[in-house]
C-alpha atoms as a PDB file:
ATOM      1  CA  MET A   1      36.379 -16.497  16.598  1.00  0.00           C
ATOM      2  CA  ASN A   2      39.788 -16.410  18.262  1.00  0.00           C
ATOM      3  CA  LYS A   3      39.238 -15.614  22.465  1.00  0.00           C
ATOM      4  CA  ASN A   4      42.388 -13.337  22.055  1.00  0.00           C
ATOM      5  CA  ILE A   5      40.926 -11.324  19.201  1.00  0.00           C
ATOM      6  CA  LEU A   6      38.042  -9.867  21.209  1.00  0.00           C
ATOM      7  CA  PRO A   7      40.034  -7.701  23.643  1.00  0.00           C
ATOM      8  CA  VAL A   8      42.214  -6.205  20.908  1.00  0.00           C
ATOM      9  CA  ILE A   9      39.172  -5.282  18.808  1.00  0.00           C
ATOM     10  CA  LEU A  10      37.805  -3.779  22.191  1.00  0.00           C
ATOM     11  CA  ILE A  11      40.777  -1.641  22.707  1.00  0.00           C
ATOM     12  CA  PHE A  12      40.868  -0.407  19.202  1.00  0.00           C
ATOM     13  CA  THR A  13      37.256   0.571  19.487  1.00  0.00           C
ATOM     14  CA  VAL A  14      37.567   2.510  22.783  1.00  0.00           C
ATOM     15  CA  THR A  15      40.958   4.114  21.818  1.00  0.00           C
ATOM     16  CA  GLY A  16      39.503   5.186  18.165  1.00  0.00           C
ATOM     17  CA  CYS A  17      36.410   6.884  19.885  1.00  0.00           C
ATOM     18  CA  ALA A  18      38.286   8.768  22.447  1.00  0.00           C
ATOM     19  CA  SER A  19      38.288  12.403  21.959  1.00  0.00           C
ATOM     20  CA  SER A  20      41.648  14.447  21.211  1.00  0.00           C
ATOM     21  CA  LYS A  21      43.249  16.932  23.543  1.00  0.00           C
ATOM     22  CA  ALA A  22      42.214  20.737  22.915  1.00  0.00           C
ATOM     23  CA  VAL A  23      44.945  22.439  20.566  1.00  0.00           C
ATOM     24  CA  GLY A  24      46.263  25.510  22.266  1.00  0.00           C
ATOM     25  CA  THR A  25      46.513  27.014  25.969  1.00  0.00           C
ATOM     26  CA  ILE A  26      43.624  27.895  28.185  1.00  0.00           C
ATOM     27  CA  LYS A  27      43.739  28.242  31.946  1.00  0.00           C
ATOM     28  CA  GLU A  28      41.089  26.630  34.373  1.00  0.00           C
ATOM     29  CA  ALA A  29      40.309  29.373  36.918  1.00  0.00           C
ATOM     30  CA  SER A  30      37.717  30.244  39.255  1.00  0.00           C
ATOM     31  CA  ALA A  31      35.229  33.507  39.119  1.00  0.00           C
ATOM     32  CA  LYS A  32      37.315  35.387  41.540  1.00  0.00           C
ATOM     33  CA  ASN A  33      40.479  34.719  39.229  1.00  0.00           C
ATOM     34  CA  VAL A  34      38.557  36.434  36.171  1.00  0.00           C
ATOM     35  CA  GLU A  35      37.397  39.401  38.235  1.00  0.00           C
ATOM     36  CA  TYR A  36      39.061  41.863  35.767  1.00  0.00           C
ATOM     37  CA  CYS A  37      39.091  40.136  32.520  1.00  0.00           C
ATOM     38  CA  ASP A  38      37.248  40.462  29.803  1.00  0.00           C
ATOM     39  CA  TYR A  39      33.855  38.197  29.187  1.00  0.00           C
ATOM     40  CA  ILE A  40      34.213  36.493  25.683  1.00  0.00           C
ATOM     41  CA  ALA A  41      31.343  33.795  25.438  1.00  0.00           C
ATOM     42  CA  ASN A  42      29.560  30.618  26.928  1.00  0.00           C
ATOM     43  CA  VAL A  43      31.201  27.515  25.647  1.00  0.00           C
ATOM     44  CA  SER A  44      29.599  23.994  26.079  1.00  0.00           C
ATOM     45  CA  GLY A  45      30.921  20.575  25.238  1.00  0.00           C
ATOM     46  CA  THR A  46      29.096  17.190  25.006  1.00  0.00           C
ATOM     47  CA  SER A  47      30.116  13.308  24.665  1.00  0.00           C
ATOM     48  CA  GLY A  48      28.188  10.515  24.041  1.00  0.00           C
ATOM     49  CA  TRP A  49      30.398   8.183  26.389  1.00  0.00           C
ATOM     50  CA  GLY A  50      27.862   8.213  29.754  1.00  0.00           C
ATOM     51  CA  TRP A  51      27.175   5.634  32.420  1.00  0.00           C
ATOM     52  CA  LEU A  52      30.055   3.431  33.210  1.00  0.00           C
ATOM     53  CA  ALA A  53      32.264   5.583  30.883  1.00  0.00           C
ATOM     54  CA  ALA A  54      30.941   8.837  32.374  1.00  0.00           C
ATOM     55  CA  SER A  55      34.552  10.184  33.691  1.00  0.00           C
ATOM     56  CA  SER A  56      35.723   9.596  30.074  1.00  0.00           C
ATOM     57  CA  GLY A  57      32.770  11.409  28.682  1.00  0.00           C
ATOM     58  CA  ILE A  58      33.032  14.217  30.918  1.00  0.00           C
ATOM     59  CA  GLU A  59      36.811  14.723  29.987  1.00  0.00           C
ATOM     60  CA  ASN A  60      35.918  14.588  26.363  1.00  0.00           C
ATOM     61  CA  ALA A  61      33.251  17.325  26.795  1.00  0.00           C
ATOM     62  CA  LYS A  62      35.742  19.378  28.533  1.00  0.00           C
ATOM     63  CA  GLU A  63      38.017  19.196  25.781  1.00  0.00           C
ATOM     64  CA  GLN A  64      35.322  20.042  23.450  1.00  0.00           C
ATOM     65  CA  ALA A  65      34.478  23.344  25.419  1.00  0.00           C
ATOM     66  CA  LYS A  66      38.400  24.226  25.853  1.00  0.00           C
ATOM     67  CA  GLN A  67      38.889  23.903  22.028  1.00  0.00           C
ATOM     68  CA  LYS A  68      35.951  26.345  21.596  1.00  0.00           C
ATOM     69  CA  ALA A  69      36.981  28.606  23.858  1.00  0.00           C
ATOM     70  CA  ILE A  70      40.680  28.743  22.373  1.00  0.00           C
ATOM     71  CA  ASP A  71      38.968  29.130  19.048  1.00  0.00           C
ATOM     72  CA  SER A  72      36.967  32.088  20.300  1.00  0.00           C
ATOM     73  CA  GLY A  73      40.636  33.886  21.585  1.00  0.00           C
ATOM     74  CA  ALA A  74      39.946  33.195  25.307  1.00  0.00           C
ATOM     75  CA  THR A  75      42.669  32.570  27.660  1.00  0.00           C
ATOM     76  CA  HIS A  76      40.849  31.719  30.950  1.00  0.00           C
ATOM     77  CA  ILE A  77      37.769  29.171  31.331  1.00  0.00           C
ATOM     78  CA  VAL A  78      35.367  28.869  34.218  1.00  0.00           C
ATOM     79  CA  TRP A  79      33.353  25.858  34.566  1.00  0.00           C
ATOM     80  CA  GLN A  80      29.616  26.379  35.209  1.00  0.00           C
ATOM     81  CA  ASN A  81      28.030  22.854  35.024  1.00  0.00           C
ATOM     82  CA  ILE A  82      29.759  19.568  34.688  1.00  0.00           C
ATOM     83  CA  ASN A  83      27.180  16.947  33.800  1.00  0.00           C
ATOM     84  CA  GLY A  84      27.575  12.938  33.818  1.00  0.00           C
ATOM     85  CA  GLY A  85      25.269  10.483  33.458  1.00  0.00           C
ATOM     86  CA  TYR A  86      23.952   9.304  30.229  1.00  0.00           C
ATOM     87  CA  SER A  87      25.186  11.972  27.907  1.00  0.00           C
ATOM     88  CA  PRO A  88      27.764  13.921  29.885  1.00  0.00           C
ATOM     89  CA  SER A  89      27.895  17.579  29.369  1.00  0.00           C
ATOM     90  CA  VAL A  90      29.656  20.749  30.333  1.00  0.00           C
ATOM     91  CA  SER A  91      29.274  24.419  30.116  1.00  0.00           C
ATOM     92  CA  ALA A  92      31.872  27.150  31.016  1.00  0.00           C
ATOM     93  CA  ASN A  93      31.984  31.070  30.656  1.00  0.00           C
ATOM     94  CA  THR A  94      35.239  31.890  28.651  1.00  0.00           C
ATOM     95  CA  TYR A  95      37.390  35.248  29.458  1.00  0.00           C
ATOM     96  CA  LYS A  96      40.448  37.055  28.044  1.00  0.00           C
ATOM     97  CA  CYS A  97      42.759  38.248  30.559  1.00  0.00           C
ATOM     98  CA  GLU A  98      45.847  40.459  29.835  1.00  0.00           C
ATOM     99  CA  THR A  99      49.260  39.555  30.906  1.00  0.00           C
ATOM    100  CA  LYS A 100      51.285  41.544  32.976  1.00  0.00           C
END
């Protein structure tokens, strides 16, 4: 096998497994910022990218949770737990805040 082919295959494999960005708009906030907003739901996200790729896995899990929040009609998301390691996962509370 040609030595130049392996890096190309690796790049396509990694980029093909990357998660897509959430479609829509959601604002990350602190609990204080959503004090007067309506609670919608708790959402979670997971990723198979762990260990050495944990930062990518966490981002993938966050995007998954953000998409769930957007789909539920939330305008804001407050992260509760962010876990790296072997199987990254996140959980967050979502809120709908009225714009003034």
